[in-house]
């Protein structure tokens, strides 16, 4: 287990969200300087002042680049403290170092929090070697309990840095996943609402051009339909933009439901005509399921208008029973081949159904045309 953890850590790259040197860093250094000055004034069992100054610089200086160069900071600090101990041993100098030098634990934490995996493992080796040297050859004799406490403190700092590192990494990954889900939701809403309206506008414009010369009054009717569809499209776009600009979490509202599926039916004057049939009970249907049924029917009709050659009719049937709701959309077009790869529509419909725990199928009918079939649980929630 330990070997696996080290291998995982070794492959880690440096975090990209390391903050720059800021006021809090200078405040930390200032606080440690004050601590050192107070100790130097009131303690009498200290080593000579030059050695104390060198030890303080060895701890405080590297703190300022502990995020940008964590391994270098650890190596410089521990290397300097080792030199101080060697000088004390060779000169047989009496007296202790300042307690403020315990801030070297911050460097151990920073090494595992901000360094790459290779830097962290290499720095851990430097820390362990330094601890072994100062406990065996150090100027101040240490008991077994003090040695164990020293190792425990440094290992705890390293473990804390590693834990916070991975926790932050998981949080950033969750944020990225949430952003991806929001983008997918927006893509589905834009595709299923705006694309449907624009498709209807294009069909009405084509019909208006075809009859403008022979039946001007019908061309005027087509323009009225285009105006109404354009107004609805703008309303839906404003709703989506409102969701994007909202400072709090909100839903796409108002959401259509099964009852609004009937509004997708046409009067038969445009081709293909749309016929809608609702049967069964829909009273206690989950709002998410009702909205999904509407969007699936809407997108299926749009696909039929775009891709079903020579289609004259699209039949939409919604059936609600005790446990589930079934949507079936059939058209009588002649060109079923190639519709399976006709853009993002089928991808979005399949995502809608799967997010609610349902099933989705789209493919050619046995006799003619294309069939879309979705089955969703009545109480499905995203």
Protein backbone atom coordinates (compact mmCIF):
# COMPACT_ATOMS: atom_id res chain seq x y z
CA UNK A 1 0.00 0.00 0.00
CA UNK A 2 2.81 2.43 0.92
CA UNK A 3 4.66 1.62 -2.32
CA UNK A 4 1.51 2.23 -4.35
CA UNK A 5 0.93 5.56 -2.59
CA UNK A 6 4.51 6.64 -3.30
CA UNK A 7 4.17 5.69 -6.97
CA UNK A 8 0.96 7.69 -7.21
CA UNK A 9 2.62 10.67 -5.56
CA UNK A 10 5.70 10.35 -7.80
CA UNK A 11 3.55 10.80 -10.92
CA UNK A 12 1.91 13.98 -9.62
CA UNK A 13 2.64 17.25 -11.36
CA UNK A 14 2.84 20.60 -9.64
CA UNK A 15 -0.52 22.21 -8.81
CA UNK A 16 -1.31 25.07 -11.17
CA UNK A 17 -3.32 27.07 -8.65
CA UNK A 18 -0.49 28.04 -6.30
CA UNK A 19 -1.07 31.59 -4.99
CA UNK A 20 1.53 34.28 -5.48
CA UNK A 21 3.56 35.80 -2.68
CA UNK A 22 1.14 38.01 -0.76
CA UNK A 23 0.61 40.03 2.42
CA UNK A 24 -0.10 36.94 4.52
CA UNK A 25 3.31 35.52 3.67
CA UNK A 26 5.04 38.69 4.83
CA UNK A 27 2.86 38.68 7.95
CA UNK A 28 3.96 35.10 8.69
CA UNK A 29 7.64 36.07 8.36
CA UNK A 30 7.11 39.17 10.51
CA UNK A 31 5.44 37.10 13.24
CA UNK A 32 8.32 34.61 13.26
CA UNK A 33 10.84 37.45 13.43
CA UNK A 34 9.02 38.88 16.45
CA UNK A 35 8.98 35.42 18.06
CA UNK A 36 12.74 35.08 17.46
CA UNK A 37 13.50 38.52 18.89
CA UNK A 38 11.46 37.84 22.03
CA UNK A 39 13.27 34.53 22.54
CA UNK A 40 16.67 36.11 21.98
CA UNK A 41 15.90 38.80 24.58
CA UNK A 42 14.39 36.69 27.34
CA UNK A 43 16.13 33.31 27.02
CA UNK A 44 19.59 32.77 28.50
CA UNK A 45 20.38 29.20 27.38
CA UNK A 46 20.97 30.09 23.74
CA UNK A 47 23.83 29.45 21.34
CA UNK A 48 26.02 32.40 20.22
CA UNK A 49 24.18 35.13 18.32
CA UNK A 50 25.88 34.53 14.90
CA UNK A 51 24.71 30.91 14.91
CA UNK A 52 21.21 31.97 16.01
CA UNK A 53 21.03 34.53 13.20
CA UNK A 54 22.15 31.94 10.63
CA UNK A 55 19.57 29.44 11.90
CA UNK A 56 16.77 32.03 11.78
CA UNK A 57 17.68 33.04 8.23
CA UNK A 58 17.78 29.36 7.25
CA UNK A 59 14.13 29.03 8.34
CA UNK A 60 12.64 32.43 7.46
CA UNK A 61 14.27 33.09 4.09
CA UNK A 62 13.06 29.95 2.26
CA UNK A 63 9.50 30.55 3.50
CA UNK A 64 9.11 33.24 0.86
CA UNK A 65 9.63 30.82 -2.04
CA UNK A 66 8.15 27.70 -0.48
CA UNK A 67 5.40 27.51 -3.14
CA UNK A 68 7.46 28.33 -6.22
CA UNK A 69 10.56 26.28 -5.35
CA UNK A 70 9.53 23.96 -2.49
CA UNK A 71 12.34 21.42 -2.90
CA UNK A 72 15.00 24.14 -3.09
CA UNK A 73 13.51 25.82 -0.01
CA UNK A 74 13.65 22.56 1.99
CA UNK A 75 17.19 21.74 0.81
CA UNK A 76 18.54 25.24 1.60
CA UNK A 77 16.86 25.40 5.00
CA UNK A 78 17.81 21.92 6.21
CA UNK A 79 21.28 22.17 4.66
CA UNK A 80 21.96 25.43 6.52
CA UNK A 81 20.64 24.01 9.80
CA UNK A 82 22.94 21.01 9.30
CA UNK A 83 25.90 23.36 8.85
CA UNK A 84 24.92 25.18 12.06
CA UNK A 85 24.84 21.87 13.96
CA UNK A 86 28.24 20.83 12.54
CA UNK A 87 29.76 24.15 13.62
CA UNK A 88 28.30 23.71 17.11
CA UNK A 89 29.75 20.18 17.37
CA UNK A 90 33.21 21.12 16.11
CA UNK A 91 33.44 24.21 18.29
CA UNK A 92 31.83 22.48 21.26
CA UNK A 93 29.46 25.40 21.55
CA UNK A 94 26.91 25.20 24.36
CA UNK A 95 23.36 26.52 24.15
CA UNK A 96 20.17 25.77 22.23
CA UNK A 97 18.71 27.18 19.05
CA UNK A 98 15.57 29.29 18.99
CA UNK A 99 12.23 27.50 19.29
CA UNK A 100 10.99 29.58 16.36
CA UNK A 101 13.04 27.29 14.10
CA UNK A 102 10.14 24.83 14.44
CA UNK A 103 8.65 26.83 11.53
CA UNK A 104 10.70 24.54 9.31
CA UNK A 105 7.61 22.30 9.52
CA UNK A 106 5.88 24.80 7.24
CA UNK A 107 8.46 23.98 4.56
CA UNK A 108 7.73 20.26 4.92
CA UNK A 109 4.02 21.00 4.52
CA UNK A 110 4.63 23.25 1.49
CA UNK A 111 6.81 20.60 -0.15
CA UNK A 112 3.94 18.11 -0.28
CA UNK A 113 1.26 20.72 -0.90
CA UNK A 114 2.86 22.63 -3.77
CA UNK A 115 5.73 20.50 -5.10
CA UNK A 116 5.57 17.92 -7.85
CA UNK A 117 5.56 14.26 -6.93
CA UNK A 118 9.26 13.88 -7.67
CA UNK A 119 10.07 16.97 -5.60
CA UNK A 120 7.97 15.68 -2.69
CA UNK A 121 9.60 12.24 -2.66
CA UNK A 122 13.09 13.72 -3.05
CA UNK A 123 12.39 16.28 -0.33
CA UNK A 124 11.09 13.56 1.98
CA UNK A 125 14.43 11.80 1.58
CA UNK A 126 16.26 15.04 2.46
CA UNK A 127 14.07 15.50 5.56
CA UNK A 128 14.62 11.92 6.77
CA UNK A 129 18.39 12.15 6.26
CA UNK A 130 18.50 15.47 8.14
CA UNK A 131 16.47 14.04 11.01
CA UNK A 132 18.79 11.03 11.21
CA UNK A 133 21.86 13.28 11.30
CA UNK A 134 20.64 15.66 13.97
CA UNK A 135 19.36 12.86 16.21
CA UNK A 136 22.58 10.83 16.02
CA UNK A 137 25.25 13.51 15.60
CA UNK A 138 23.41 16.63 16.75
CA UNK A 139 24.88 19.07 19.24
CA UNK A 140 21.94 18.59 21.60
CA UNK A 141 21.47 15.03 22.86
CA UNK A 142 17.91 13.77 22.36
CA UNK A 143 15.95 11.04 24.09
CA UNK A 144 14.10 8.33 22.22
CA UNK A 145 10.80 10.12 22.86
CA UNK A 146 12.18 13.37 21.40
CA UNK A 147 13.47 11.55 18.33
CA UNK A 148 10.09 9.88 17.79
CA UNK A 149 8.32 13.21 18.27
CA UNK A 150 10.59 14.87 15.69
CA UNK A 151 9.83 12.24 13.06
CA UNK A 152 6.13 12.37 13.93
CA UNK A 153 5.94 16.15 13.55
CA UNK A 154 7.58 16.17 10.12
CA UNK A 155 5.59 13.19 8.86
CA UNK A 156 2.39 14.82 10.09
CA UNK A 157 3.24 18.05 8.22
CA UNK A 158 3.94 16.04 5.06
CA UNK A 159 0.71 14.05 5.45
CA UNK A 160 -1.30 17.22 6.03
CA UNK A 161 0.13 18.82 2.88
CA UNK A 162 -0.64 15.69 0.86
CA UNK A 163 -4.20 15.45 2.22
CA UNK A 164 -5.01 19.09 1.43
CA UNK A 165 -3.41 18.71 -2.00
CA UNK A 166 -5.62 15.76 -2.96
CA UNK A 167 -8.70 17.30 -1.38
CA UNK A 168 -8.23 20.44 -3.46
CA UNK A 169 -7.61 18.33 -6.55
CA UNK A 170 -10.86 16.42 -6.01
CA UNK A 171 -12.76 19.66 -5.43
CA UNK A 172 -11.41 21.19 -8.65
CA UNK A 173 -12.29 18.00 -10.52
CA UNK A 174 -15.83 18.14 -9.15
CA UNK A 175 -16.11 21.77 -10.24
CA UNK A 176 -14.95 20.83 -13.75
CA UNK A 177 -17.51 18.02 -13.87
CA UNK A 178 -20.25 20.40 -12.72
CA UNK A 179 -19.27 22.88 -15.43
CA UNK A 180 -19.35 20.11 -18.02
CA UNK A 181 -22.84 19.06 -16.88
CA UNK A 182 -24.04 22.67 -17.08
CA UNK A 183 -22.62 23.01 -20.59
CA UNK A 184 -24.39 19.81 -21.64
CA UNK A 185 -27.66 21.03 -20.14
CA UNK A 186 -27.36 24.38 -21.90
CA UNK A 187 -26.48 22.64 -25.16
CA UNK A 188 -29.60 20.46 -24.89
CA UNK A 189 -31.83 23.41 -24.05
CA UNK A 190 -30.49 25.51 -26.92
CA UNK A 191 -30.71 22.65 -29.38
CA UNK A 192 -34.17 21.48 -28.35
CA UNK A 193 -35.80 24.90 -28.04
CA UNK A 194 -34.14 27.35 -30.38
CA UNK A 195 -33.39 24.82 -33.10
CA UNK A 196 -37.01 23.66 -33.08
CA UNK A 197 -38.33 27.21 -33.47
CA UNK A 198 -35.81 28.14 -36.13
CA UNK A 199 -36.63 24.97 -38.06
CA UNK A 200 -40.31 25.95 -38.04
CA UNK A 201 -39.44 29.45 -39.19
CA UNK A 202 -37.42 28.04 -42.11
CA UNK A 203 -40.28 25.77 -43.16
CA UNK A 204 -42.82 28.60 -43.03
CA UNK A 205 -40.48 30.87 -44.99
CA UNK A 206 -40.13 28.23 -47.71
CA UNK A 207 -43.90 27.76 -47.84
CA UNK A 208 -44.46 31.51 -48.02
CA UNK A 209 -42.06 31.85 -50.95
CA UNK A 210 -43.78 28.99 -52.77
CA UNK A 211 -47.27 30.54 -52.60
CA UNK A 212 -46.37 34.25 -52.65
CA UNK A 213 -47.13 34.70 -56.33
CA UNK A 214 -50.31 32.62 -56.57
CA UNK A 215 -51.78 33.05 -53.08
CA UNK A 216 -50.50 36.24 -51.45
CA UNK A 217 -52.90 35.86 -48.54
CA UNK A 218 -51.32 32.53 -47.59
CA UNK A 219 -47.89 34.11 -47.77
CA UNK A 220 -49.12 36.76 -45.30
CA UNK A 221 -50.34 33.96 -43.01
CA UNK A 222 -46.90 32.33 -43.21
CA UNK A 223 -45.30 35.64 -42.24
CA UNK A 224 -47.61 35.85 -39.20
CA UNK A 225 -46.57 32.35 -38.15
CA UNK A 226 -42.91 33.30 -38.61
CA UNK A 227 -43.41 36.41 -36.47
CA UNK A 228 -45.02 34.37 -33.69
CA UNK A 229 -42.29 31.70 -33.81
CA UNK A 230 -39.57 34.36 -33.74
CA UNK A 231 -41.18 35.99 -30.69
CA UNK A 232 -41.32 32.63 -28.90
CA UNK A 233 -37.68 31.98 -29.78
CA UNK A 234 -36.61 35.33 -28.34
CA UNK A 235 -38.58 34.60 -25.16
CA UNK A 236 -36.87 31.24 -24.71
CA UNK A 237 -33.46 32.76 -25.44
CA UNK A 238 -34.08 35.46 -22.81
CA UNK A 239 -35.04 32.74 -20.34
CA UNK A 240 -31.80 30.86 -20.98
CA UNK A 241 -29.73 34.05 -20.79
CA UNK A 242 -31.48 34.89 -17.52
CA UNK A 243 -30.38 31.55 -16.11
CA UNK A 244 -26.79 32.22 -17.19
CA UNK A 245 -26.79 35.67 -15.60
CA UNK A 246 -28.48 34.59 -12.35
CA UNK A 247 -26.25 34.80 -9.26
CA UNK A 248 -28.08 31.94 -7.55
CA UNK A 249 -28.87 28.43 -8.68
CA UNK A 250 -32.04 28.38 -10.74
CA UNK A 251 -33.88 26.12 -13.11
CA UNK A 252 -34.92 26.72 -16.67
CA UNK A 253 -38.39 28.07 -15.98
CA UNK A 254 -41.15 27.79 -16.84
CA UNK A 255 -40.62 24.21 -17.95
CA UNK A 256 -43.15 22.71 -20.38
CA UNK A 257 -44.81 19.39 -19.58
CA UNK A 258 -46.86 16.64 -21.14
CA UNK A 259 -49.88 18.94 -21.48
CA UNK A 260 -47.86 21.24 -23.76
CA UNK A 261 -47.07 18.37 -26.15
CA UNK A 262 -50.50 18.92 -27.74
CA UNK A 263 -49.37 22.40 -28.77
CA UNK A 264 -46.82 20.77 -31.09
CA UNK A 265 -49.65 19.57 -33.35
CA UNK A 266 -50.20 21.48 -36.60
CA UNK A 267 -53.34 22.35 -38.54
CA UNK A 268 -52.39 20.24 -41.55
CA UNK A 269 -51.58 23.09 -43.91
CA UNK A 270 -47.83 22.58 -43.59
CA UNK A 271 -45.92 19.45 -44.45
CA UNK A 272 -45.28 17.28 -42.69
CA UNK A 273 -48.35 17.68 -40.50
CA UNK A 274 -48.05 16.76 -36.83
CA UNK A 275 -50.70 14.73 -35.01
CA UNK A 276 -50.53 14.35 -31.22
CA UNK A 277 -52.31 11.77 -29.08
CA UNK A 278 -52.22 11.69 -25.27
CA UNK A 279 -53.61 8.72 -23.31
CA UNK A 280 -53.37 7.55 -19.73
CA UNK A 281 -52.78 9.38 -16.45
CA UNK A 282 -50.29 12.23 -16.07
CA UNK A 283 -51.46 13.89 -12.84
CA UNK A 284 -48.64 12.82 -10.49
CA UNK A 285 -45.92 12.89 -13.12
CA UNK A 286 -42.51 14.21 -12.07
CA UNK A 287 -41.96 17.73 -13.54
CA UNK A 288 -38.57 16.63 -14.86
CA UNK A 289 -40.16 13.70 -16.69
CA UNK A 290 -42.90 15.90 -18.13
CA UNK A 291 -40.33 18.41 -19.40
CA UNK A 292 -38.22 15.62 -20.88
CA UNK A 293 -41.22 14.13 -22.72
CA UNK A 294 -41.98 17.52 -24.22
CA UNK A 295 -38.36 18.15 -25.31
CA UNK A 296 -38.01 14.66 -26.76
CA UNK A 297 -41.21 15.09 -28.77
CA UNK A 298 -40.16 18.56 -29.88
CA UNK A 299 -36.74 17.41 -31.07
CA UNK A 300 -38.19 14.34 -32.80
CA UNK A 301 -40.56 16.56 -34.80
CA UNK A 302 -37.69 18.90 -35.71
CA UNK A 303 -35.59 15.95 -36.93
CA UNK A 304 -38.50 14.65 -39.00
CA UNK A 305 -38.95 18.05 -40.66
CA UNK A 306 -35.25 18.29 -41.44
CA UNK A 307 -34.38 14.77 -42.51
CA UNK A 308 -37.53 12.82 -43.47
CA UNK A 309 -37.79 13.04 -47.25
CA UNK A 310 -41.29 13.18 -48.68
CA UNK A 311 -42.80 12.87 -45.21
CA UNK A 312 -46.45 13.92 -45.02
CA UNK A 313 -47.26 13.18 -41.40
CA UNK A 314 -45.57 12.88 -38.00
CA UNK A 315 -47.50 11.00 -35.32
CA UNK A 316 -46.73 11.69 -31.66
CA UNK A 317 -48.20 9.34 -29.04
CA UNK A 318 -47.71 9.74 -25.28
CA UNK A 319 -49.02 7.02 -22.99
CA UNK A 320 -48.94 7.12 -19.21
CA UNK A 321 -49.42 4.02 -17.08
CA UNK A 322 -48.88 3.17 -13.41
CA UNK A 323 -45.05 3.10 -13.49
CA UNK A 324 -43.81 4.80 -16.62
CA UNK A 325 -44.50 7.13 -19.53
CA UNK A 326 -43.93 6.08 -23.11
CA UNK A 327 -43.31 8.47 -26.00
CA UNK A 328 -43.49 7.25 -29.59
CA UNK A 329 -42.88 9.48 -32.60
CA UNK A 330 -43.33 8.05 -36.12
CA UNK A 331 -43.00 9.68 -39.51
CA UNK A 332 -43.76 8.33 -42.99
CA UNK A 333 -40.64 9.67 -44.70
CA UNK A 334 -38.73 7.63 -47.23
CA UNK A 335 -35.12 8.41 -46.32
CA UNK A 336 -34.31 6.73 -43.02
CA UNK A 337 -30.66 6.04 -43.82
CA UNK A 338 -28.19 8.48 -42.37
CA UNK A 339 -30.45 10.00 -39.75
CA UNK A 340 -28.60 8.26 -36.91
CA UNK A 341 -25.65 10.61 -37.40
CA UNK A 342 -27.62 13.79 -38.11
CA UNK A 343 -26.01 16.06 -35.54
CA UNK A 344 -26.42 16.43 -31.80
CA UNK A 345 -30.17 15.86 -31.58
CA UNK A 346 -30.11 12.11 -30.94
CA UNK A 347 -27.19 12.51 -28.54
CA UNK A 348 -29.11 15.06 -26.47
CA UNK A 349 -32.29 12.95 -26.47
CA UNK A 350 -30.41 9.88 -25.33
CA UNK A 351 -28.79 11.92 -22.54
CA UNK A 352 -32.18 13.24 -21.39
CA UNK A 353 -33.64 9.76 -21.14
CA UNK A 354 -30.62 8.20 -19.39
CA UNK A 355 -30.36 11.02 -16.83
CA UNK A 356 -33.91 10.20 -15.69
CA UNK A 357 -33.32 6.44 -15.56
CA UNK A 358 -35.20 5.75 -18.79
CA UNK A 359 -34.47 4.16 -22.15
CA UNK A 360 -34.27 5.65 -25.63
CA UNK A 361 -34.26 4.14 -29.09
CA UNK A 362 -34.30 5.68 -32.55
CA UNK A 363 -34.22 3.84 -35.84
CA UNK A 364 -36.04 3.02 -39.08
CA UNK A 365 -39.53 1.57 -38.98
CA UNK A 366 -40.16 -1.90 -40.35
CA UNK A 367 -42.42 -0.56 -43.11
CA UNK A 368 -41.56 3.07 -43.75
CA UNK A 369 -40.08 6.12 -42.09
CA UNK A 370 -38.41 6.56 -38.74
CA UNK A 371 -39.43 5.83 -35.16
CA UNK A 372 -38.31 7.44 -31.92
CA UNK A 373 -39.29 5.68 -28.71
CA UNK A 374 -38.53 6.72 -25.13
CA UNK A 375 -39.70 5.14 -21.89
CA UNK A 376 -39.26 7.14 -18.67
CA UNK A 377 -40.19 6.28 -15.06
CA UNK A 378 -43.00 8.46 -13.70
CA UNK A 379 -40.97 9.57 -10.69
CA UNK A 380 -37.64 10.03 -12.48
CA UNK A 381 -35.34 12.75 -11.19
CA UNK A 382 -32.07 13.98 -12.73
